[in-house]
Amino acid sequence: MSGLPALFYKEMLRFWKVAVQTVVAPVVTALLYLLIFSHVLEAHVEVYPGVSYTSFLVPGLVMMSMLQNAFSNSSSSLIQSKMQGNIVFVLLPPLSYLEFFLAYLGAAVIRGLVVGLGVWVVTLWFAPWQMPHWGWLLAYALLACAIMGAIGIVAGIWAEKYDQLAAFQNFLILPLTFLSGVFYSIHSLPPFWQGISHANPVFYLIDGFRYAFVGQSDTDPWLGLLVASACFVAISALTLALLKSGYKLRH
């Protein structure tokens, strides 16, 4: 596994060298969401008893930022390497497909966690400090970033140009994150749309992560953990199969 730390280090440098773009910008975007929605709805909406709307919103924004940035890190790295032709320098060395997977996945998880931490820190001014379930927070944060990092690898492998990757993100990732209870509780939806929400795996990630913050959720956090774990195993298996076959990378 000697190639793993080198590739992981390269991927870490790739996003850290442009931290203003990859870390600061997503934090500012999440802060703008918080300022707008909390100002408009704080006095009018109470989703859970005793929980202000801002306190409800913060975990959703943190998780949404982690999901989007974990996906962006692995997918953008692969598509840029393919478009610029330097993917060959990763494929030529005797790296196993498992090393390839772990390096890209690890860097995506780190970026997601760094952005999530940044969003949480800047929101402390707006929502009171509360964190009743640290274990749930760590479990859901790691699983969420790992799932989106793996999906990002799949998207980066599949896409042959930037337009295809943008379509993948705009028509799959963004709807899954925005329609998963970031800004609302699914109990406020009609029964049909509640059923649709329960079919969205991202909903369980956000709901379980919110439980870690406020101690209340729309579903059992153990169910969410089971769904998230199953998704990670399935997506990882798909990603490893694509890497092993060399699909759109070696031929």
C-alpha atoms as a PDB file:
ATOM      1  CA  MET A   1       0.000   0.000   0.000  1.00  0.00           C
ATOM      2  CA  SER A   2       2.990   2.359  -0.417  1.00  0.00           C
ATOM      3  CA  GLY A   3       1.278   4.244  -3.236  1.00  0.00           C
ATOM      4  CA  LEU A   4      -1.764   5.082  -1.130  1.00  0.00           C
ATOM      5  CA  PRO A   5      -0.241   7.860   1.035  1.00  0.00           C
ATOM      6  CA  ALA A   6       1.370   9.508  -1.997  1.00  0.00           C
ATOM      7  CA  LEU A   7      -1.879   9.643  -3.974  1.00  0.00           C
ATOM      8  CA  PHE A   8      -3.840  10.694  -0.900  1.00  0.00           C
ATOM      9  CA  TYR A   9      -1.349  13.496  -0.244  1.00  0.00           C
ATOM     10  CA  LYS A  10      -1.629  14.643  -3.852  1.00  0.00           C
ATOM     11  CA  GLU A  11      -5.431  14.772  -3.579  1.00  0.00           C
ATOM     12  CA  MET A  12      -5.256  16.658  -0.296  1.00  0.00           C
ATOM     13  CA  LEU A  13      -2.919  19.263  -1.791  1.00  0.00           C
ATOM     14  CA  ARG A  14      -5.178  19.616  -4.802  1.00  0.00           C
ATOM     15  CA  PHE A  15      -8.058  21.097  -2.813  1.00  0.00           C
ATOM     16  CA  TRP A  16      -6.019  22.702  -0.021  1.00  0.00           C
ATOM     17  CA  LYS A  17      -3.945  24.809  -2.438  1.00  0.00           C
ATOM     18  CA  VAL A  18      -7.170  26.577  -3.497  1.00  0.00           C
ATOM     19  CA  ALA A  19      -8.851  26.594  -0.083  1.00  0.00           C
ATOM     20  CA  VAL A  20     -10.611  29.891  -0.772  1.00  0.00           C
ATOM     21  CA  GLN A  21     -12.504  28.194  -3.572  1.00  0.00           C
ATOM     22  CA  THR A  22     -12.919  24.729  -2.058  1.00  0.00           C
ATOM     23  CA  VAL A  23     -13.471  25.547   1.623  1.00  0.00           C
ATOM     24  CA  VAL A  24     -14.189  29.237   2.229  1.00  0.00           C
ATOM     25  CA  ALA A  25     -16.685  29.663  -0.633  1.00  0.00           C
ATOM     26  CA  PRO A  26     -18.987  26.789   0.496  1.00  0.00           C
ATOM     27  CA  VAL A  27     -18.918  28.129   4.067  1.00  0.00           C
ATOM     28  CA  VAL A  28     -19.964  31.589   2.865  1.00  0.00           C
ATOM     29  CA  THR A  29     -22.740  30.060   0.740  1.00  0.00           C
ATOM     30  CA  ALA A  30     -24.130  28.131   3.721  1.00  0.00           C
ATOM     31  CA  LEU A  31     -23.955  31.277   5.851  1.00  0.00           C
ATOM     32  CA  LEU A  32     -26.017  33.159   3.267  1.00  0.00           C
ATOM     33  CA  TYR A  33     -28.651  30.398   3.333  1.00  0.00           C
ATOM     34  CA  LEU A  34     -28.766  30.667   7.109  1.00  0.00           C
ATOM     35  CA  LEU A  35     -29.075  34.454   7.141  1.00  0.00           C
ATOM     36  CA  ILE A  36     -31.910  34.462   4.608  1.00  0.00           C
ATOM     37  CA  PHE A  37     -33.986  31.542   5.855  1.00  0.00           C
ATOM     38  CA  SER A  38     -33.529  32.193   9.561  1.00  0.00           C
ATOM     39  CA  HIS A  39     -34.433  35.877   9.140  1.00  0.00           C
ATOM     40  CA  VAL A  40     -37.587  35.062   7.188  1.00  0.00           C
ATOM     41  CA  LEU A  41     -38.851  32.003   9.087  1.00  0.00           C
ATOM     42  CA  GLU A  42     -37.403  32.180  12.606  1.00  0.00           C
ATOM     43  CA  ALA A  43     -40.473  33.877  14.117  1.00  0.00           C
ATOM     44  CA  HIS A  44     -43.004  31.876  12.097  1.00  0.00           C
ATOM     45  CA  VAL A  45     -41.840  28.242  12.137  1.00  0.00           C
ATOM     46  CA  GLU A  46     -41.203  25.818  14.992  1.00  0.00           C
ATOM     47  CA  VAL A  47     -40.541  22.370  13.596  1.00  0.00           C
ATOM     48  CA  TYR A  48     -39.860  20.587  16.896  1.00  0.00           C
ATOM     49  CA  PRO A  49     -41.129  21.651  20.334  1.00  0.00           C
ATOM     50  CA  GLY A  50     -38.568  23.817  22.076  1.00  0.00           C
ATOM     51  CA  VAL A  51     -36.246  23.959  19.040  1.00  0.00           C
ATOM     52  CA  SER A  52     -35.922  27.241  17.181  1.00  0.00           C
ATOM     53  CA  TYR A  53     -35.985  27.207  13.393  1.00  0.00           C
ATOM     54  CA  THR A  54     -32.352  28.357  13.267  1.00  0.00           C
ATOM     55  CA  SER A  55     -31.282  25.461  15.504  1.00  0.00           C
ATOM     56  CA  PHE A  56     -33.254  23.138  13.224  1.00  0.00           C
ATOM     57  CA  LEU A  57     -31.684  24.600  10.083  1.00  0.00           C
ATOM     58  CA  VAL A  58     -28.006  24.562  11.116  1.00  0.00           C
ATOM     59  CA  PRO A  59     -27.499  20.742  11.061  1.00  0.00           C
ATOM     60  CA  GLY A  60     -29.157  20.534   7.653  1.00  0.00           C
ATOM     61  CA  LEU A  61     -26.876  23.200   6.223  1.00  0.00           C
ATOM     62  CA  VAL A  62     -23.783  21.565   7.710  1.00  0.00           C
ATOM     63  CA  MET A  63     -24.721  18.185   6.261  1.00  0.00           C
ATOM     64  CA  MET A  64     -25.707  19.626   2.879  1.00  0.00           C
ATOM     65  CA  SER A  65     -22.348  21.383   2.623  1.00  0.00           C
ATOM     66  CA  MET A  66     -20.467  18.205   3.522  1.00  0.00           C
ATOM     67  CA  LEU A  67     -22.391  16.153   0.974  1.00  0.00           C
ATOM     68  CA  GLN A  68     -21.904  18.564  -1.903  1.00  0.00           C
ATOM     69  CA  ASN A  69     -18.224  19.165  -1.250  1.00  0.00           C
ATOM     70  CA  ALA A  70     -17.320  15.519  -0.727  1.00  0.00           C
ATOM     71  CA  PHE A  71     -18.919  14.778  -4.094  1.00  0.00           C
ATOM     72  CA  SER A  72     -17.249  17.736  -5.776  1.00  0.00           C
ATOM     73  CA  ASN A  73     -13.791  16.813  -4.539  1.00  0.00           C
ATOM     74  CA  SER A  74     -13.529  13.337  -6.021  1.00  0.00           C
ATOM     75  CA  SER A  75     -15.593  14.011  -9.148  1.00  0.00           C
ATOM     76  CA  SER A  76     -13.828  17.251 -10.119  1.00  0.00           C
ATOM     77  CA  SER A  77     -10.392  15.735  -9.521  1.00  0.00           C
ATOM     78  CA  LEU A  78     -11.078  12.822 -11.862  1.00  0.00           C
ATOM     79  CA  ILE A  79     -12.738  14.827 -14.624  1.00  0.00           C
ATOM     80  CA  GLN A  80      -9.972  17.432 -14.586  1.00  0.00           C
ATOM     81  CA  SER A  81      -7.314  14.734 -14.814  1.00  0.00           C
ATOM     82  CA  LYS A  82      -9.158  13.089 -17.707  1.00  0.00           C
ATOM     83  CA  MET A  83      -9.727  16.334 -19.589  1.00  0.00           C
ATOM     84  CA  GLN A  84      -6.134  17.511 -19.122  1.00  0.00           C
ATOM     85  CA  GLY A  85      -4.686  14.104 -19.946  1.00  0.00           C
ATOM     86  CA  ASN A  86      -2.680  13.727 -16.732  1.00  0.00           C
ATOM     87  CA  ILE A  87      -4.796  10.818 -15.468  1.00  0.00           C
ATOM     88  CA  VAL A  88      -2.143   8.665 -17.134  1.00  0.00           C
ATOM     89  CA  PHE A  89       0.323   9.594 -14.388  1.00  0.00           C
ATOM     90  CA  VAL A  90      -2.028   8.017 -11.844  1.00  0.00           C
ATOM     91  CA  LEU A  91      -2.752   4.942 -13.974  1.00  0.00           C
ATOM     92  CA  LEU A  92       0.823   4.110 -14.992  1.00  0.00           C
ATOM     93  CA  PRO A  93       2.284   3.488 -11.499  1.00  0.00           C
ATOM     94  CA  PRO A  94       1.569   0.054  -9.981  1.00  0.00           C
ATOM     95  CA  LEU A  95      -1.324   1.290  -7.850  1.00  0.00           C
ATOM     96  CA  SER A  96      -4.078  -1.168  -7.065  1.00  0.00           C
ATOM     97  CA  TYR A  97      -7.674  -0.176  -7.685  1.00  0.00           C
ATOM     98  CA  LEU A  98      -8.219  -0.343  -3.905  1.00  0.00           C
ATOM     99  CA  GLU A  99      -5.441   2.201  -3.310  1.00  0.00           C
ATOM    100  CA  PHE A 100      -6.952   4.420  -6.005  1.00  0.00           C
ATOM    101  CA  PHE A 101     -10.361   4.193  -4.347  1.00  0.00           C
ATOM    102  CA  LEU A 102      -9.135   4.823  -0.800  1.00  0.00           C
ATOM    103  CA  ALA A 103      -6.977   7.820  -1.765  1.00  0.00           C
ATOM    104  CA  TYR A 104      -9.748   9.637  -3.630  1.00  0.00           C
ATOM    105  CA  LEU A 105     -12.346   8.656  -1.053  1.00  0.00           C
ATOM    106  CA  GLY A 106     -10.159   9.739   1.869  1.00  0.00           C
ATOM    107  CA  ALA A 107      -9.480  13.176   0.391  1.00  0.00           C
ATOM    108  CA  ALA A 108     -13.199  13.653  -0.347  1.00  0.00           C
ATOM    109  CA  VAL A 109     -14.085  12.751   3.250  1.00  0.00           C
ATOM    110  CA  ILE A 110     -11.496  15.180   4.628  1.00  0.00           C
ATOM    111  CA  ARG A 111     -12.722  18.040   2.462  1.00  0.00           C
ATOM    112  CA  GLY A 112     -16.334  17.334   3.414  1.00  0.00           C
ATOM    113  CA  LEU A 113     -15.483  17.298   7.115  1.00  0.00           C
ATOM    114  CA  VAL A 114     -13.393  20.488   6.890  1.00  0.00           C
ATOM    115  CA  VAL A 115     -16.195  22.353   5.120  1.00  0.00           C
ATOM    116  CA  GLY A 116     -18.772  20.992   7.565  1.00  0.00           C
ATOM    117  CA  LEU A 117     -16.664  22.106  10.524  1.00  0.00           C
ATOM    118  CA  GLY A 118     -16.288  25.548   8.980  1.00  0.00           C
ATOM    119  CA  VAL A 119     -20.038  25.902   8.448  1.00  0.00           C
ATOM    120  CA  TRP A 120     -20.752  24.785  12.012  1.00  0.00           C
ATOM    121  CA  VAL A 121     -18.234  27.257  13.466  1.00  0.00           C
ATOM    122  CA  VAL A 122     -19.680  30.276  11.630  1.00  0.00           C
ATOM    123  CA  THR A 123     -23.228  29.313  12.675  1.00  0.00           C
ATOM    124  CA  LEU A 124     -22.412  29.195  16.388  1.00  0.00           C
ATOM    125  CA  TRP A 125     -23.203  32.910  16.564  1.00  0.00           C
ATOM    126  CA  PHE A 126     -26.780  32.285  15.393  1.00  0.00           C
ATOM    127  CA  ALA A 127     -27.764  29.078  17.204  1.00  0.00           C
ATOM    128  CA  PRO A 128     -27.110  28.136  20.847  1.00  0.00           C
ATOM    129  CA  TRP A 129     -24.474  25.498  21.534  1.00  0.00           C
ATOM    130  CA  GLN A 130     -26.013  22.057  21.851  1.00  0.00           C
ATOM    131  CA  MET A 131     -24.677  18.644  20.937  1.00  0.00           C
ATOM    132  CA  PRO A 132     -26.361  15.864  22.905  1.00  0.00           C
ATOM    133  CA  HIS A 133     -25.158  12.960  20.737  1.00  0.00           C
ATOM    134  CA  TRP A 134     -21.518  13.167  19.608  1.00  0.00           C
ATOM    135  CA  GLY A 135     -21.441   9.539  18.536  1.00  0.00           C
ATOM    136  CA  TRP A 136     -24.293   9.978  16.085  1.00  0.00           C
ATOM    137  CA  LEU A 137     -22.678  13.139  14.728  1.00  0.00           C
ATOM    138  CA  LEU A 138     -19.394  11.392  13.912  1.00  0.00           C
ATOM    139  CA  ALA A 139     -21.082   8.317  12.458  1.00  0.00           C
ATOM    140  CA  TYR A 140     -23.369  10.257  10.146  1.00  0.00           C
ATOM    141  CA  ALA A 141     -20.721  12.798   9.131  1.00  0.00           C
ATOM    142  CA  LEU A 142     -18.221  10.102   8.132  1.00  0.00           C
ATOM    143  CA  LEU A 143     -20.814   7.965   6.354  1.00  0.00           C
ATOM    144  CA  ALA A 144     -22.279  10.916   4.467  1.00  0.00           C
ATOM    145  CA  CYS A 145     -18.907  12.144   3.208  1.00  0.00           C
ATOM    146  CA  ALA A 146     -17.850   8.604   2.293  1.00  0.00           C
ATOM    147  CA  ILE A 147     -21.056   7.956   0.343  1.00  0.00           C
ATOM    148  CA  MET A 148     -20.803  11.179  -1.636  1.00  0.00           C
ATOM    149  CA  GLY A 149     -17.082  10.745  -2.149  1.00  0.00           C
ATOM    150  CA  ALA A 150     -17.725   7.314  -3.677  1.00  0.00           C
ATOM    151  CA  ILE A 151     -20.543   8.669  -5.853  1.00  0.00           C
ATOM    152  CA  GLY A 152     -18.166  11.413  -6.964  1.00  0.00           C
ATOM    153  CA  ILE A 153     -15.650   8.789  -8.105  1.00  0.00           C
ATOM    154  CA  VAL A 154     -18.388   7.042 -10.101  1.00  0.00           C
ATOM    155  CA  ALA A 155     -19.436  10.351 -11.669  1.00  0.00           C
ATOM    156  CA  GLY A 156     -15.846  11.269 -12.466  1.00  0.00           C
ATOM    157  CA  ILE A 157     -15.257   7.903 -14.119  1.00  0.00           C
ATOM    158  CA  TRP A 158     -18.480   8.044 -16.128  1.00  0.00           C
ATOM    159  CA  ALA A 159     -18.295  11.673 -17.277  1.00  0.00           C
ATOM    160  CA  GLU A 160     -16.235  12.372 -20.382  1.00  0.00           C
ATOM    161  CA  LYS A 161     -16.604  16.164 -20.278  1.00  0.00           C
ATOM    162  CA  TYR A 162     -17.530  18.881 -17.820  1.00  0.00           C
ATOM    163  CA  ASP A 163     -21.094  19.151 -19.158  1.00  0.00           C
ATOM    164  CA  GLN A 164     -21.844  15.557 -18.240  1.00  0.00           C
ATOM    165  CA  LEU A 165     -20.494  16.010 -14.732  1.00  0.00           C
ATOM    166  CA  ALA A 166     -22.526  19.208 -14.319  1.00  0.00           C
ATOM    167  CA  ALA A 167     -25.651  17.341 -15.430  1.00  0.00           C
ATOM    168  CA  PHE A 168     -24.931  14.568 -12.923  1.00  0.00           C
ATOM    169  CA  GLN A 169     -24.652  17.125 -10.146  1.00  0.00           C
ATOM    170  CA  ASN A 170     -27.572  19.329 -11.184  1.00  0.00           C
ATOM    171  CA  PHE A 171     -30.075  16.567 -11.904  1.00  0.00           C
ATOM    172  CA  LEU A 172     -29.123  14.054  -9.208  1.00  0.00           C
ATOM    173  CA  ILE A 173     -27.004  15.428  -6.363  1.00  0.00           C
ATOM    174  CA  LEU A 174     -28.691  18.814  -5.919  1.00  0.00           C
ATOM    175  CA  PRO A 175     -32.287  17.457  -5.960  1.00  0.00           C
ATOM    176  CA  LEU A 176     -31.341  14.690  -3.525  1.00  0.00           C
ATOM    177  CA  THR A 177     -29.833  17.193  -1.076  1.00  0.00           C
ATOM    178  CA  PHE A 178     -32.358  20.025  -1.380  1.00  0.00           C
ATOM    179  CA  LEU A 179     -35.390  17.706  -1.235  1.00  0.00           C
ATOM    180  CA  SER A 180     -34.250  15.797   1.836  1.00  0.00           C
ATOM    181  CA  GLY A 181     -35.460  17.960   4.708  1.00  0.00           C
ATOM    182  CA  VAL A 182     -32.660  20.503   4.945  1.00  0.00           C
ATOM    183  CA  PHE A 183     -35.077  23.416   5.273  1.00  0.00           C
ATOM    184  CA  TYR A 184     -38.203  21.626   6.516  1.00  0.00           C
ATOM    185  CA  SER A 185     -39.531  18.572   8.327  1.00  0.00           C
ATOM    186  CA  ILE A 186     -41.061  15.949   6.071  1.00  0.00           C
ATOM    187  CA  HIS A 187     -44.044  15.798   8.456  1.00  0.00           C
ATOM    188  CA  SER A 188     -45.128  19.130   6.977  1.00  0.00           C
ATOM    189  CA  LEU A 189     -45.526  17.459   3.566  1.00  0.00           C
ATOM    190  CA  PRO A 190     -48.572  15.638   2.164  1.00  0.00           C
ATOM    191  CA  PRO A 191     -48.500  11.848   2.621  1.00  0.00           C
ATOM    192  CA  PHE A 192     -47.434  11.188  -0.977  1.00  0.00           C
ATOM    193  CA  TRP A 193     -44.377  13.433  -0.713  1.00  0.00           C
ATOM    194  CA  GLN A 194     -43.524  11.995   2.682  1.00  0.00           C
ATOM    195  CA  GLY A 195     -43.337   8.598   1.008  1.00  0.00           C
ATOM    196  CA  ILE A 196     -41.101  10.008  -1.722  1.00  0.00           C
ATOM    197  CA  SER A 197     -38.835  11.541   0.917  1.00  0.00           C
ATOM    198  CA  HIS A 198     -38.479   8.206   2.689  1.00  0.00           C
ATOM    199  CA  ALA A 199     -37.153   6.758  -0.585  1.00  0.00           C
ATOM    200  CA  ASN A 200     -34.387   9.389  -0.624  1.00  0.00           C
ATOM    201  CA  PRO A 201     -31.288   8.058   1.199  1.00  0.00           C
ATOM    202  CA  VAL A 202     -29.971  11.596   1.731  1.00  0.00           C
ATOM    203  CA  PHE A 203     -33.012  12.299   3.909  1.00  0.00           C
ATOM    204  CA  TYR A 204     -31.798   9.714   6.436  1.00  0.00           C
ATOM    205  CA  LEU A 205     -28.339  11.279   6.507  1.00  0.00           C
ATOM    206  CA  ILE A 206     -29.682  14.749   7.246  1.00  0.00           C
ATOM    207  CA  ASP A 207     -32.326  13.540   9.688  1.00  0.00           C
ATOM    208  CA  GLY A 208     -29.867  11.425  11.668  1.00  0.00           C
ATOM    209  CA  PHE A 209     -27.287  14.193  11.689  1.00  0.00           C
ATOM    210  CA  ARG A 210     -29.913  16.629  12.968  1.00  0.00           C
ATOM    211  CA  TYR A 211     -30.755  14.180  15.750  1.00  0.00           C
ATOM    212  CA  ALA A 212     -27.158  14.504  16.940  1.00  0.00           C
ATOM    213  CA  PHE A 213     -27.650  18.258  17.302  1.00  0.00           C
ATOM    214  CA  VAL A 214     -31.144  18.668  18.729  1.00  0.00           C
ATOM    215  CA  GLY A 215     -32.038  15.199  20.028  1.00  0.00           C
ATOM    216  CA  GLN A 216     -35.172  15.008  17.855  1.00  0.00           C
ATOM    217  CA  SER A 217     -35.745  13.573  14.388  1.00  0.00           C
ATOM    218  CA  ASP A 218     -38.423  12.480  11.931  1.00  0.00           C
ATOM    219  CA  THR A 219     -37.260   8.834  11.892  1.00  0.00           C
ATOM    220  CA  ASP A 220     -35.349   6.424  14.102  1.00  0.00           C
ATOM    221  CA  PRO A 221     -31.610   7.272  13.812  1.00  0.00           C
ATOM    222  CA  TRP A 222     -30.779   3.556  13.894  1.00  0.00           C
ATOM    223  CA  LEU A 223     -32.867   3.066  10.751  1.00  0.00           C
ATOM    224  CA  GLY A 224     -31.037   5.953   9.115  1.00  0.00           C
ATOM    225  CA  LEU A 225     -27.695   4.451  10.056  1.00  0.00           C
ATOM    226  CA  LEU A 226     -28.720   1.111   8.542  1.00  0.00           C
ATOM    227  CA  VAL A 227     -29.857   2.753   5.288  1.00  0.00           C
ATOM    228  CA  ALA A 228     -26.690   4.866   5.075  1.00  0.00           C
ATOM    229  CA  SER A 229     -24.424   1.881   5.736  1.00  0.00           C
ATOM    230  CA  ALA A 230     -26.185  -0.197   3.087  1.00  0.00           C
ATOM    231  CA  CYS A 231     -25.848   2.644   0.573  1.00  0.00           C
ATOM    232  CA  PHE A 232     -22.148   3.013   1.299  1.00  0.00           C
ATOM    233  CA  VAL A 233     -21.489  -0.700   0.866  1.00  0.00           C
ATOM    234  CA  ALA A 234     -23.442  -0.816  -2.417  1.00  0.00           C
ATOM    235  CA  ILE A 235     -21.841   2.306  -3.900  1.00  0.00           C
ATOM    236  CA  SER A 236     -18.356   1.242  -2.803  1.00  0.00           C
ATOM    237  CA  ALA A 237     -18.838  -2.153  -4.439  1.00  0.00           C
ATOM    238  CA  LEU A 238     -19.925  -0.457  -7.675  1.00  0.00           C
ATOM    239  CA  THR A 239     -16.985   1.942  -7.565  1.00  0.00           C
ATOM    240  CA  LEU A 240     -14.445  -0.805  -6.941  1.00  0.00           C
ATOM    241  CA  ALA A 241     -15.934  -2.866  -9.782  1.00  0.00           C
ATOM    242  CA  LEU A 242     -15.602   0.075 -12.185  1.00  0.00           C
ATOM    243  CA  LEU A 243     -12.021   0.737 -11.103  1.00  0.00           C
ATOM    244  CA  LYS A 244     -11.068  -2.924 -11.385  1.00  0.00           C
ATOM    245  CA  SER A 245     -12.501  -3.152 -14.894  1.00  0.00           C
ATOM    246  CA  GLY A 246     -10.798   0.072 -16.010  1.00  0.00           C
ATOM    247  CA  TYR A 247     -14.090   1.426 -17.344  1.00  0.00           C
ATOM    248  CA  LYS A 248     -13.454   4.725 -19.184  1.00  0.00           C
ATOM    249  CA  LEU A 249     -10.028   4.967 -17.527  1.00  0.00           C
ATOM    250  CA  ARG A 250      -7.821   2.296 -19.093  1.00  0.00           C
ATOM    251  CA  HIS A 251      -9.857   1.662 -22.220  1.00  0.00           C
END
